[in-house]
Amino acid sequence: VQLVESGGGLVQAGGSLRLSCAASGFIPGSIFSLNSMGWYRQAPGKQREVVAAMTSGGDALYADSVKGRFTISRDNVKKMVYLQMNSLKPEDTADYYCNAEYFVGSSRRVIWGQGTQVTVST
């Protein structure tokens, strides 16, 4: 099972970007459930922090720093999660990582994507 992100890049302050993350590799016919999916970010010299996350039922949480600017959404059929980022600020510059929690039977697993870079210029 893997996560693959896309959509990062360079944007001017005030601009927008949309990140996408696709989960794949689930064995057809296996008993699994994809639980929470979300986005974290890590800026140079800083700890990785949660940006936004969403449960399979659609409940979302956001970091205070992105509330009102970022929107997380997901497509459970396609096993994808998205992050719409508007009104970007230079302090949003970071590597963004997709994260997912899933269960295979009763076994809980957490996986990460490889990261996608977001750079916001002044």
C-alpha atoms as a PDB file:
ATOM      1  CA  VAL A   1       0.000   0.000   0.000  1.00  0.00           C
ATOM      2  CA  GLN A   2       1.358   3.413  -0.892  1.00  0.00           C
ATOM      3  CA  LEU A   3       0.402   7.061  -1.062  1.00  0.00           C
ATOM      4  CA  VAL A   4       1.410   9.239  -3.975  1.00  0.00           C
ATOM      5  CA  GLU A   5       1.103  13.026  -3.754  1.00  0.00           C
ATOM      6  CA  SER A   6       0.978  15.548  -6.549  1.00  0.00           C
ATOM      7  CA  GLY A   7       0.265  19.218  -7.021  1.00  0.00           C
ATOM      8  CA  GLY A   8       3.056  20.992  -5.215  1.00  0.00           C
ATOM      9  CA  GLY A   9       5.032  23.811  -6.753  1.00  0.00           C
ATOM     10  CA  LEU A  10       5.992  27.452  -6.611  1.00  0.00           C
ATOM     11  CA  VAL A  11       3.326  30.101  -6.178  1.00  0.00           C
ATOM     12  CA  GLN A  12       3.250  33.757  -5.232  1.00  0.00           C
ATOM     13  CA  ALA A  13       1.800  34.876  -1.939  1.00  0.00           C
ATOM     14  CA  GLY A  14      -1.961  35.117  -2.187  1.00  0.00           C
ATOM     15  CA  GLY A  15      -2.105  32.381  -4.778  1.00  0.00           C
ATOM     16  CA  SER A  16      -3.609  28.906  -4.677  1.00  0.00           C
ATOM     17  CA  LEU A  17      -2.506  25.325  -5.074  1.00  0.00           C
ATOM     18  CA  ARG A  18      -4.331  22.023  -4.903  1.00  0.00           C
ATOM     19  CA  LEU A  19      -2.598  18.948  -3.582  1.00  0.00           C
ATOM     20  CA  SER A  20      -3.808  15.451  -4.384  1.00  0.00           C
ATOM     21  CA  CYS A  21      -2.965  12.131  -2.802  1.00  0.00           C
ATOM     22  CA  ALA A  22      -3.903   8.710  -4.072  1.00  0.00           C
ATOM     23  CA  ALA A  23      -3.840   5.540  -2.004  1.00  0.00           C
ATOM     24  CA  SER A  24      -3.169   2.349  -3.923  1.00  0.00           C
ATOM     25  CA  GLY A  25      -2.002  -1.189  -3.496  1.00  0.00           C
ATOM     26  CA  PHE A  26      -4.919  -2.573  -1.547  1.00  0.00           C
ATOM     27  CA  ILE A  27      -5.424  -6.215  -2.467  1.00  0.00           C
ATOM     28  CA  PRO A  28      -8.810  -6.737  -4.157  1.00  0.00           C
ATOM     29  CA  GLY A  29     -11.064  -8.813  -1.985  1.00  0.00           C
ATOM     30  CA  SER A  30      -9.057  -8.143   1.155  1.00  0.00           C
ATOM     31  CA  ILE A  31     -10.827  -6.884   4.221  1.00  0.00           C
ATOM     32  CA  PHE A  32      -9.543  -3.382   4.763  1.00  0.00           C
ATOM     33  CA  SER A  33     -10.917  -0.028   5.759  1.00  0.00           C
ATOM     34  CA  LEU A  34      -9.331   3.288   4.986  1.00  0.00           C
ATOM     35  CA  ASN A  35      -9.859   5.439   8.028  1.00  0.00           C
ATOM     36  CA  SER A  36      -8.428   8.910   8.375  1.00  0.00           C
ATOM     37  CA  MET A  37      -6.512  10.637   5.602  1.00  0.00           C
ATOM     38  CA  GLY A  38      -4.751  13.909   5.953  1.00  0.00           C
ATOM     39  CA  TRP A  39      -1.939  16.288   5.261  1.00  0.00           C
ATOM     40  CA  TYR A  40       1.093  17.206   7.304  1.00  0.00           C
ATOM     41  CA  ARG A  41       3.876  19.613   6.515  1.00  0.00           C
ATOM     42  CA  GLN A  42       7.438  20.128   7.546  1.00  0.00           C
ATOM     43  CA  ALA A  43       9.329  23.344   7.018  1.00  0.00           C
ATOM     44  CA  PRO A  44      13.135  23.435   7.136  1.00  0.00           C
ATOM     45  CA  GLY A  45      14.353  23.172  10.695  1.00  0.00           C
ATOM     46  CA  LYS A  46      10.888  22.581  12.082  1.00  0.00           C
ATOM     47  CA  GLN A  47       8.883  19.616  13.312  1.00  0.00           C
ATOM     48  CA  ARG A  48       6.321  17.952  11.103  1.00  0.00           C
ATOM     49  CA  GLU A  49       2.876  19.294  11.921  1.00  0.00           C
ATOM     50  CA  VAL A  50      -0.652  18.381  10.990  1.00  0.00           C
ATOM     51  CA  VAL A  51      -2.294  20.680   8.477  1.00  0.00           C
ATOM     52  CA  ALA A  52      -5.660  19.019   7.997  1.00  0.00           C
ATOM     53  CA  ALA A  53      -7.201  15.590   8.344  1.00  0.00           C
ATOM     54  CA  MET A  54     -10.510  13.971   7.547  1.00  0.00           C
ATOM     55  CA  THR A  55     -12.188  10.790   8.725  1.00  0.00           C
ATOM     56  CA  SER A  56     -13.923   8.413   6.361  1.00  0.00           C
ATOM     57  CA  GLY A  57     -17.183   9.893   7.586  1.00  0.00           C
ATOM     58  CA  GLY A  58     -16.174  13.382   6.536  1.00  0.00           C
ATOM     59  CA  ASP A  59     -15.253  14.965   9.852  1.00  0.00           C
ATOM     60  CA  ALA A  60     -12.388  17.384   9.324  1.00  0.00           C
ATOM     61  CA  LEU A  61      -9.894  19.127  11.516  1.00  0.00           C
ATOM     62  CA  TYR A  62      -7.527  21.937  10.632  1.00  0.00           C
ATOM     63  CA  ALA A  63      -4.494  23.550  12.124  1.00  0.00           C
ATOM     64  CA  ASP A  64      -5.357  27.013  13.407  1.00  0.00           C
ATOM     65  CA  SER A  65      -2.848  28.531  11.009  1.00  0.00           C
ATOM     66  CA  VAL A  66      -4.743  27.323   7.932  1.00  0.00           C
ATOM     67  CA  LYS A  67      -8.379  27.599   9.020  1.00  0.00           C
ATOM     68  CA  GLY A  68     -10.387  29.584   6.527  1.00  0.00           C
ATOM     69  CA  ARG A  69      -7.715  29.254   3.849  1.00  0.00           C
ATOM     70  CA  PHE A  70      -7.272  25.514   3.304  1.00  0.00           C
ATOM     71  CA  THR A  71      -9.955  22.929   2.598  1.00  0.00           C
ATOM     72  CA  ILE A  72      -9.517  19.190   2.825  1.00  0.00           C
ATOM     73  CA  SER A  73     -11.733  16.805   0.908  1.00  0.00           C
ATOM     74  CA  ARG A  74     -11.663  13.162   0.003  1.00  0.00           C
ATOM     75  CA  ASP A  75     -13.144  10.682  -2.425  1.00  0.00           C
ATOM     76  CA  ASN A  76     -13.592   7.384  -0.640  1.00  0.00           C
ATOM     77  CA  VAL A  77     -14.360   5.493  -3.834  1.00  0.00           C
ATOM     78  CA  LYS A  78     -11.178   6.669  -5.538  1.00  0.00           C
ATOM     79  CA  LYS A  79      -9.241   6.504  -2.243  1.00  0.00           C
ATOM     80  CA  MET A  80      -7.994  10.019  -2.700  1.00  0.00           C
ATOM     81  CA  VAL A  81      -7.600  13.043  -0.476  1.00  0.00           C
ATOM     82  CA  TYR A  82      -7.172  16.620  -1.605  1.00  0.00           C
ATOM     83  CA  LEU A  83      -5.989  19.846  -0.048  1.00  0.00           C
ATOM     84  CA  GLN A  84      -7.147  23.085  -1.609  1.00  0.00           C
ATOM     85  CA  MET A  85      -4.847  25.851  -0.433  1.00  0.00           C
ATOM     86  CA  ASN A  86      -5.927  29.437  -0.979  1.00  0.00           C
ATOM     87  CA  SER A  87      -4.473  32.759   0.134  1.00  0.00           C
ATOM     88  CA  LEU A  88      -1.096  31.142   0.502  1.00  0.00           C
ATOM     89  CA  LYS A  89       1.496  32.831   2.654  1.00  0.00           C
ATOM     90  CA  PRO A  90       5.290  32.513   2.661  1.00  0.00           C
ATOM     91  CA  GLU A  91       5.023  30.725   6.003  1.00  0.00           C
ATOM     92  CA  ASP A  92       3.108  27.937   4.259  1.00  0.00           C
ATOM     93  CA  THR A  93       6.335  26.995   2.489  1.00  0.00           C
ATOM     94  CA  ALA A  94       7.141  23.398   3.429  1.00  0.00           C
ATOM     95  CA  ASP A  95       7.221  19.822   2.264  1.00  0.00           C
ATOM     96  CA  TYR A  96       3.676  18.494   2.429  1.00  0.00           C
ATOM     97  CA  TYR A  97       3.074  14.850   3.258  1.00  0.00           C
ATOM     98  CA  CYS A  98      -0.041  12.786   2.785  1.00  0.00           C
ATOM     99  CA  ASN A  99      -0.911  10.458   5.654  1.00  0.00           C
ATOM    100  CA  ALA A 100      -3.420   7.657   5.934  1.00  0.00           C
ATOM    101  CA  GLU A 101      -4.560   5.267   8.602  1.00  0.00           C
ATOM    102  CA  TYR A 102      -6.085   1.999   7.531  1.00  0.00           C
ATOM    103  CA  PHE A 103      -7.019  -1.352   8.959  1.00  0.00           C
ATOM    104  CA  VAL A 104      -6.474  -4.759   7.476  1.00  0.00           C
ATOM    105  CA  GLY A 105      -8.789  -6.843   9.552  1.00  0.00           C
ATOM    106  CA  SER A 106      -8.039  -5.624  13.061  1.00  0.00           C
ATOM    107  CA  SER A 107      -4.458  -4.616  12.267  1.00  0.00           C
ATOM    108  CA  ARG A 108      -3.970  -0.822  12.275  1.00  0.00           C
ATOM    109  CA  ARG A 109      -1.420   0.674   9.931  1.00  0.00           C
ATOM    110  CA  VAL A 110      -0.245   4.183   9.157  1.00  0.00           C
ATOM    111  CA  ILE A 111       1.454   5.139   5.922  1.00  0.00           C
ATOM    112  CA  TRP A 112       3.055   8.289   4.506  1.00  0.00           C
ATOM    113  CA  GLY A 113       3.577   9.629   1.043  1.00  0.00           C
ATOM    114  CA  GLN A 114       6.945  10.732  -0.241  1.00  0.00           C
ATOM    115  CA  GLY A 115       6.120  14.419   0.097  1.00  0.00           C
ATOM    116  CA  THR A 116       5.583  17.269  -2.299  1.00  0.00           C
ATOM    117  CA  GLN A 117       7.232  20.658  -2.016  1.00  0.00           C
ATOM    118  CA  VAL A 118       5.237  23.858  -1.742  1.00  0.00           C
ATOM    119  CA  THR A 119       7.087  27.156  -2.023  1.00  0.00           C
ATOM    120  CA  VAL A 120       5.296  30.461  -1.551  1.00  0.00           C
ATOM    121  CA  SER A 121       7.243  33.501  -2.667  1.00  0.00           C
ATOM    122  CA  THR A 122       6.717  37.077  -1.520  1.00  0.00           C
END
